[in-house]
């Protein structure tokens, strides 16, 4: 594989990671930028606000779970590849993999906590 093709692939990966990070930032920053809601005048507008909260919560959890799933899949694939290349380092690779998966899962759980706050506090 020539060098320019590898550089293009690296650039694409970096841009994709940047896009995903920006999407996460936008989703999690939306509640902070929201204006204080006026008192609902009718039951219909209260139901609409609840529906929008549910929609925001669903999108936030979906994006967090999708990002976490992609990250976990890549980590697992790379660790399997590393173990197949160096079987003698299997213990260290597996330990590092498990630690990384825990951190990824923690980020997903934080997203779930934010969603719970959106639903019940805002």
N, C-alpha and C. Protein backbone atom coordinates (compact mmCIF):
# COMPACT_ATOMS: atom_id res chain seq x y z
N UNK A 1 0.85 -1.17 0.00
CA UNK A 1 0.00 0.00 0.00
C UNK A 1 0.90 1.24 0.00
N UNK A 2 0.63 2.15 -0.92
CA UNK A 2 1.52 3.30 -0.98
C UNK A 2 1.22 4.29 0.14
N UNK A 3 2.16 5.18 0.33
CA UNK A 3 2.13 6.08 1.48
C UNK A 3 0.97 7.08 1.41
N UNK A 4 0.67 7.62 0.23
CA UNK A 4 -0.39 8.62 0.13
C UNK A 4 -1.76 8.01 0.42
N UNK A 5 -1.96 6.74 0.03
CA UNK A 5 -3.23 6.09 0.32
C UNK A 5 -3.39 5.90 1.83
N UNK A 6 -2.30 5.53 2.51
CA UNK A 6 -2.36 5.39 3.97
C UNK A 6 -2.65 6.73 4.64
N UNK A 7 -2.04 7.79 4.13
CA UNK A 7 -2.28 9.12 4.70
C UNK A 7 -3.72 9.54 4.48
N UNK A 8 -4.28 9.24 3.31
CA UNK A 8 -5.69 9.58 3.05
C UNK A 8 -6.62 8.81 3.98
N UNK A 9 -6.31 7.54 4.21
CA UNK A 9 -7.14 6.75 5.11
C UNK A 9 -7.06 7.29 6.54
N UNK A 10 -5.85 7.67 6.97
CA UNK A 10 -5.70 8.25 8.30
C UNK A 10 -6.50 9.54 8.42
N UNK A 11 -6.42 10.37 7.39
CA UNK A 11 -7.16 11.63 7.39
C UNK A 11 -8.67 11.37 7.46
N UNK A 12 -9.14 10.38 6.72
CA UNK A 12 -10.57 10.04 6.76
C UNK A 12 -10.98 9.57 8.15
N UNK A 13 -10.14 8.78 8.79
CA UNK A 13 -10.45 8.31 10.15
C UNK A 13 -10.49 9.46 11.14
N UNK A 14 -9.54 10.36 11.00
CA UNK A 14 -9.50 11.52 11.91
C UNK A 14 -10.73 12.40 11.70
N UNK A 15 -11.09 12.63 10.44
CA UNK A 15 -12.28 13.45 10.15
C UNK A 15 -13.55 12.78 10.65
N UNK A 16 -13.63 11.46 10.51
CA UNK A 16 -14.80 10.74 11.00
C UNK A 16 -14.87 10.83 12.53
N UNK A 17 -13.74 10.66 13.20
CA UNK A 17 -13.72 10.78 14.66
C UNK A 17 -14.11 12.18 15.09
N UNK A 18 -13.62 13.19 14.38
CA UNK A 18 -13.97 14.58 14.69
C UNK A 18 -15.47 14.82 14.50
N UNK A 19 -16.04 14.27 13.44
CA UNK A 19 -17.48 14.42 13.21
C UNK A 19 -18.30 13.77 14.31
N UNK A 20 -17.86 12.58 14.74
CA UNK A 20 -18.59 11.89 15.81
C UNK A 20 -18.49 12.68 17.11
N UNK A 21 -17.32 13.22 17.41
CA UNK A 21 -17.15 14.01 18.64
C UNK A 21 -18.02 15.26 18.59
N UNK A 22 -18.07 15.91 17.43
CA UNK A 22 -18.91 17.10 17.29
C UNK A 22 -20.39 16.75 17.45
N UNK A 23 -20.80 15.58 16.93
CA UNK A 23 -22.19 15.16 17.07
C UNK A 23 -22.53 14.93 18.54
N UNK A 24 -21.62 14.25 19.26
CA UNK A 24 -21.84 14.04 20.69
C UNK A 24 -21.93 15.37 21.43
N UNK A 25 -21.04 16.29 21.12
CA UNK A 25 -21.04 17.58 21.78
C UNK A 25 -22.35 18.32 21.51
N UNK A 26 -22.82 18.26 20.27
CA UNK A 26 -24.07 18.94 19.94
C UNK A 26 -25.25 18.33 20.68
N UNK A 27 -25.30 17.01 20.73
CA UNK A 27 -26.42 16.34 21.40
C UNK A 27 -26.42 16.63 22.89
N UNK A 28 -25.25 16.60 23.52
CA UNK A 28 -25.20 16.80 24.96
C UNK A 28 -25.25 18.28 25.35
N UNK A 29 -24.98 19.18 24.42
CA UNK A 29 -25.03 20.60 24.73
C UNK A 29 -26.42 21.19 24.51
N UNK A 30 -27.29 20.48 23.81
CA UNK A 30 -28.62 21.02 23.53
C UNK A 30 -29.40 21.41 24.78
N UNK A 31 -29.43 20.57 25.82
CA UNK A 31 -30.17 20.99 27.00
C UNK A 31 -29.60 22.24 27.66
N UNK A 32 -28.30 22.43 27.60
CA UNK A 32 -27.68 23.59 28.22
C UNK A 32 -28.02 24.88 27.48
N UNK A 33 -28.27 24.78 26.18
CA UNK A 33 -28.56 25.96 25.38
C UNK A 33 -30.06 26.26 25.28
N UNK A 34 -30.86 25.38 25.83
CA UNK A 34 -32.31 25.56 25.72
C UNK A 34 -32.77 26.72 26.59
N UNK A 35 -33.78 27.41 26.11
CA UNK A 35 -34.36 28.49 26.89
C UNK A 35 -35.33 27.92 27.90
N UNK A 36 -35.56 28.67 28.95
CA UNK A 36 -36.50 28.22 29.96
C UNK A 36 -37.89 28.23 29.35
N UNK A 37 -38.59 27.13 29.52
CA UNK A 37 -39.91 27.01 28.93
C UNK A 37 -40.93 27.83 29.71
N UNK A 38 -41.83 28.44 28.98
CA UNK A 38 -42.92 29.17 29.63
C UNK A 38 -43.90 28.15 30.20
N UNK A 39 -44.72 28.60 31.12
CA UNK A 39 -45.71 27.71 31.70
C UNK A 39 -46.65 27.22 30.61
N UNK A 40 -46.88 25.92 30.54
CA UNK A 40 -47.75 25.40 29.49
C UNK A 40 -49.18 25.92 29.67
N UNK A 41 -49.75 26.32 28.55
CA UNK A 41 -51.11 26.88 28.60
C UNK A 41 -52.17 25.80 28.50
N UNK A 42 -51.81 24.68 27.92
CA UNK A 42 -52.80 23.62 27.79
C UNK A 42 -52.13 22.27 27.97
N UNK A 43 -52.95 21.25 28.08
CA UNK A 43 -52.43 19.90 28.22
C UNK A 43 -51.73 19.46 26.94
N UNK A 44 -52.15 20.01 25.80
CA UNK A 44 -51.54 19.63 24.53
C UNK A 44 -50.09 20.09 24.44
N UNK A 45 -49.82 21.32 24.88
CA UNK A 45 -48.44 21.81 24.83
C UNK A 45 -47.56 21.09 25.84
N UNK A 46 -48.13 20.67 26.99
CA UNK A 46 -47.36 19.91 27.97
C UNK A 46 -47.00 18.54 27.40
N UNK A 47 -47.94 17.94 26.69
CA UNK A 47 -47.66 16.65 26.04
C UNK A 47 -46.62 16.79 24.95
N UNK A 48 -46.65 17.91 24.24
CA UNK A 48 -45.67 18.15 23.19
C UNK A 48 -44.27 18.28 23.77
N UNK A 49 -44.15 18.98 24.90
CA UNK A 49 -42.84 19.13 25.55
C UNK A 49 -42.32 17.78 26.02
N UNK A 50 -43.22 16.96 26.54
CA UNK A 50 -42.82 15.63 26.99
C UNK A 50 -42.37 14.79 25.80
N UNK A 51 -43.07 14.94 24.68
CA UNK A 51 -42.69 14.21 23.47
C UNK A 51 -41.33 14.63 22.96
N UNK A 52 -41.04 15.92 23.01
CA UNK A 52 -39.73 16.41 22.58
C UNK A 52 -38.62 15.92 23.50
N UNK A 53 -38.90 15.86 24.80
CA UNK A 53 -37.92 15.31 25.74
C UNK A 53 -37.65 13.85 25.43
N UNK A 54 -38.71 13.10 25.14
CA UNK A 54 -38.54 11.68 24.81
C UNK A 54 -37.74 11.52 23.53
N UNK A 55 -37.99 12.37 22.56
CA UNK A 55 -37.24 12.31 21.30
C UNK A 55 -35.77 12.63 21.54
N UNK A 56 -35.49 13.68 22.30
CA UNK A 56 -34.10 14.04 22.60
C UNK A 56 -33.40 12.92 23.37
N UNK A 57 -34.12 12.32 24.32
CA UNK A 57 -33.53 11.23 25.10
C UNK A 57 -33.22 10.03 24.22
N UNK A 58 -34.13 9.70 23.34
CA UNK A 58 -33.91 8.57 22.44
C UNK A 58 -32.74 8.79 21.52
N UNK A 59 -32.62 9.99 20.97
CA UNK A 59 -31.51 10.30 20.08
C UNK A 59 -30.19 10.26 20.84
N UNK A 60 -30.17 10.84 22.05
CA UNK A 60 -28.93 10.87 22.84
C UNK A 60 -28.45 9.46 23.19
N UNK A 61 -29.35 8.62 23.65
CA UNK A 61 -28.96 7.25 24.02
C UNK A 61 -28.57 6.47 22.77
N UNK A 62 -29.29 6.68 21.68
CA UNK A 62 -28.96 5.98 20.44
C UNK A 62 -27.59 6.33 19.92
N UNK A 63 -27.26 7.61 19.93
CA UNK A 63 -25.94 8.05 19.45
C UNK A 63 -24.84 7.53 20.38
N UNK A 64 -25.08 7.60 21.67
CA UNK A 64 -24.07 7.12 22.62
C UNK A 64 -23.86 5.61 22.48
N UNK A 65 -24.95 4.88 22.35
CA UNK A 65 -24.83 3.42 22.21
C UNK A 65 -24.17 3.04 20.89
N UNK A 66 -24.50 3.76 19.82
CA UNK A 66 -23.89 3.47 18.52
C UNK A 66 -22.39 3.77 18.56
N UNK A 67 -22.02 4.91 19.14
CA UNK A 67 -20.60 5.24 19.25
C UNK A 67 -19.85 4.24 20.10
N UNK A 68 -20.46 3.85 21.21
CA UNK A 68 -19.83 2.86 22.08
C UNK A 68 -19.69 1.51 21.40
N UNK A 69 -20.70 1.12 20.64
CA UNK A 69 -20.65 -0.16 19.94
C UNK A 69 -19.55 -0.17 18.88
N UNK A 70 -19.41 0.94 18.16
CA UNK A 70 -18.35 1.04 17.16
C UNK A 70 -16.98 0.98 17.84
N UNK A 71 -16.84 1.73 18.93
CA UNK A 71 -15.57 1.71 19.66
C UNK A 71 -15.23 0.34 20.22
N UNK A 72 -16.22 -0.33 20.78
CA UNK A 72 -15.97 -1.66 21.32
C UNK A 72 -15.63 -2.66 20.21
N UNK A 73 -16.31 -2.55 19.09
CA UNK A 73 -16.02 -3.44 17.97
C UNK A 73 -14.61 -3.25 17.45
N UNK A 74 -14.21 -1.99 17.29
CA UNK A 74 -12.84 -1.72 16.82
C UNK A 74 -11.80 -2.21 17.82
N UNK A 75 -12.05 -1.97 19.10
CA UNK A 75 -11.10 -2.41 20.12
C UNK A 75 -10.97 -3.93 20.14
N UNK A 76 -12.09 -4.61 20.03
CA UNK A 76 -12.06 -6.07 20.03
C UNK A 76 -11.35 -6.61 18.80
N UNK A 77 -11.63 -6.00 17.64
CA UNK A 77 -10.98 -6.44 16.41
C UNK A 77 -9.47 -6.25 16.47
N UNK A 78 -9.05 -5.09 16.95
CA UNK A 78 -7.62 -4.81 17.01
C UNK A 78 -6.92 -5.69 18.05
N UNK A 79 -7.58 -5.97 19.16
CA UNK A 79 -6.95 -6.82 20.17
C UNK A 79 -6.84 -8.26 19.66
N UNK A 80 -7.85 -8.73 18.93
CA UNK A 80 -7.79 -10.07 18.35
C UNK A 80 -6.65 -10.16 17.34
N UNK A 81 -6.53 -9.12 16.54
CA UNK A 81 -5.45 -9.07 15.57
C UNK A 81 -4.09 -9.05 16.27
N UNK A 82 -3.98 -8.30 17.35
CA UNK A 82 -2.72 -8.23 18.09
C UNK A 82 -2.38 -9.57 18.73
N UNK A 83 -3.38 -10.25 19.28
CA UNK A 83 -3.13 -11.55 19.90
C UNK A 83 -2.70 -12.57 18.85
N UNK A 84 -3.29 -12.48 17.65
CA UNK A 84 -2.90 -13.43 16.61
C UNK A 84 -1.48 -13.17 16.13
N UNK A 85 -1.04 -11.92 16.20
CA UNK A 85 0.33 -11.60 15.78
C UNK A 85 1.36 -11.93 16.87
N UNK A 86 0.98 -11.71 18.12
CA UNK A 86 1.90 -11.97 19.23
C UNK A 86 1.17 -12.75 20.33
N UNK A 87 1.05 -14.05 20.17
CA UNK A 87 0.32 -14.85 21.16
C UNK A 87 0.94 -14.79 22.56
N UNK A 88 2.24 -14.52 22.64
CA UNK A 88 2.89 -14.49 23.96
C UNK A 88 2.47 -13.29 24.79
N UNK A 89 1.90 -12.26 24.14
CA UNK A 89 1.47 -11.06 24.86
C UNK A 89 -0.04 -11.06 25.11
N UNK A 90 -0.64 -12.22 25.04
CA UNK A 90 -2.11 -12.32 25.16
C UNK A 90 -2.63 -11.75 26.47
N UNK A 91 -1.99 -12.02 27.57
CA UNK A 91 -2.47 -11.56 28.88
C UNK A 91 -2.48 -10.04 28.98
N UNK A 92 -1.41 -9.40 28.55
CA UNK A 92 -1.34 -7.94 28.61
C UNK A 92 -2.35 -7.30 27.66
N UNK A 93 -2.49 -7.89 26.48
CA UNK A 93 -3.44 -7.32 25.50
C UNK A 93 -4.86 -7.45 26.02
N UNK A 94 -5.18 -8.61 26.59
CA UNK A 94 -6.54 -8.82 27.09
C UNK A 94 -6.84 -7.88 28.26
N UNK A 95 -5.86 -7.67 29.14
CA UNK A 95 -6.06 -6.76 30.27
C UNK A 95 -6.32 -5.34 29.79
N UNK A 96 -5.51 -4.89 28.83
CA UNK A 96 -5.69 -3.55 28.28
C UNK A 96 -7.03 -3.43 27.56
N UNK A 97 -7.43 -4.48 26.85
CA UNK A 97 -8.73 -4.47 26.16
C UNK A 97 -9.86 -4.32 27.17
N UNK A 98 -9.83 -5.10 28.23
CA UNK A 98 -10.91 -5.04 29.21
C UNK A 98 -10.99 -3.67 29.87
N UNK A 99 -9.85 -3.08 30.17
CA UNK A 99 -9.83 -1.74 30.76
C UNK A 99 -10.42 -0.72 29.80
N UNK A 100 -10.05 -0.81 28.53
CA UNK A 100 -10.61 0.10 27.52
C UNK A 100 -12.10 -0.08 27.36
N UNK A 101 -12.58 -1.32 27.35
CA UNK A 101 -14.02 -1.57 27.22
C UNK A 101 -14.79 -1.01 28.41
N UNK A 102 -14.18 -1.09 29.59
CA UNK A 102 -14.83 -0.51 30.78
C UNK A 102 -14.98 0.99 30.63
N UNK A 103 -13.95 1.67 30.14
CA UNK A 103 -14.03 3.11 29.95
C UNK A 103 -15.08 3.49 28.90
N UNK A 104 -15.16 2.71 27.82
CA UNK A 104 -16.17 2.98 26.80
C UNK A 104 -17.57 2.81 27.38
N UNK A 105 -17.75 1.74 28.13
CA UNK A 105 -19.07 1.48 28.73
C UNK A 105 -19.43 2.56 29.75
N UNK A 106 -18.43 3.08 30.46
CA UNK A 106 -18.68 4.15 31.41
C UNK A 106 -19.20 5.40 30.70
N UNK A 107 -18.67 5.71 29.54
CA UNK A 107 -19.15 6.86 28.78
C UNK A 107 -20.60 6.65 28.37
N UNK A 108 -20.97 5.44 28.01
CA UNK A 108 -22.36 5.15 27.64
C UNK A 108 -23.27 5.30 28.86
N UNK A 109 -22.81 4.86 30.01
CA UNK A 109 -23.62 5.00 31.23
C UNK A 109 -23.80 6.47 31.59
N UNK A 110 -22.75 7.29 31.40
CA UNK A 110 -22.89 8.73 31.62
C UNK A 110 -23.95 9.32 30.69
N UNK A 111 -23.98 8.88 29.46
CA UNK A 111 -25.00 9.35 28.52
C UNK A 111 -26.39 8.96 29.01
N UNK A 112 -26.52 7.76 29.55
CA UNK A 112 -27.81 7.34 30.10
C UNK A 112 -28.21 8.22 31.28
N UNK A 113 -27.26 8.59 32.13
CA UNK A 113 -27.57 9.47 33.25
C UNK A 113 -28.02 10.85 32.76
N UNK A 114 -27.38 11.36 31.71
CA UNK A 114 -27.79 12.65 31.15
C UNK A 114 -29.21 12.56 30.62
N UNK A 115 -29.52 11.45 29.97
CA UNK A 115 -30.87 11.27 29.44
C UNK A 115 -31.90 11.20 30.57
N UNK A 116 -31.56 10.52 31.64
CA UNK A 116 -32.48 10.47 32.78
C UNK A 116 -32.69 11.87 33.35
N UNK A 117 -31.63 12.67 33.40
CA UNK A 117 -31.78 14.05 33.85
C UNK A 117 -32.66 14.86 32.90
N UNK A 118 -32.50 14.64 31.60
CA UNK A 118 -33.34 15.36 30.62
C UNK A 118 -34.81 15.04 30.86
N UNK A 119 -35.08 13.76 31.06
CA UNK A 119 -36.49 13.36 31.19
C UNK A 119 -37.11 13.86 32.50
N UNK A 120 -36.40 13.69 33.62
CA UNK A 120 -37.03 13.95 34.91
C UNK A 120 -36.75 15.31 35.50
N UNK A 121 -35.70 16.00 35.10
CA UNK A 121 -35.36 17.29 35.71
C UNK A 121 -35.75 18.45 34.82
N UNK A 122 -35.47 18.38 33.56
CA UNK A 122 -35.75 19.51 32.65
C UNK A 122 -37.22 19.60 32.31
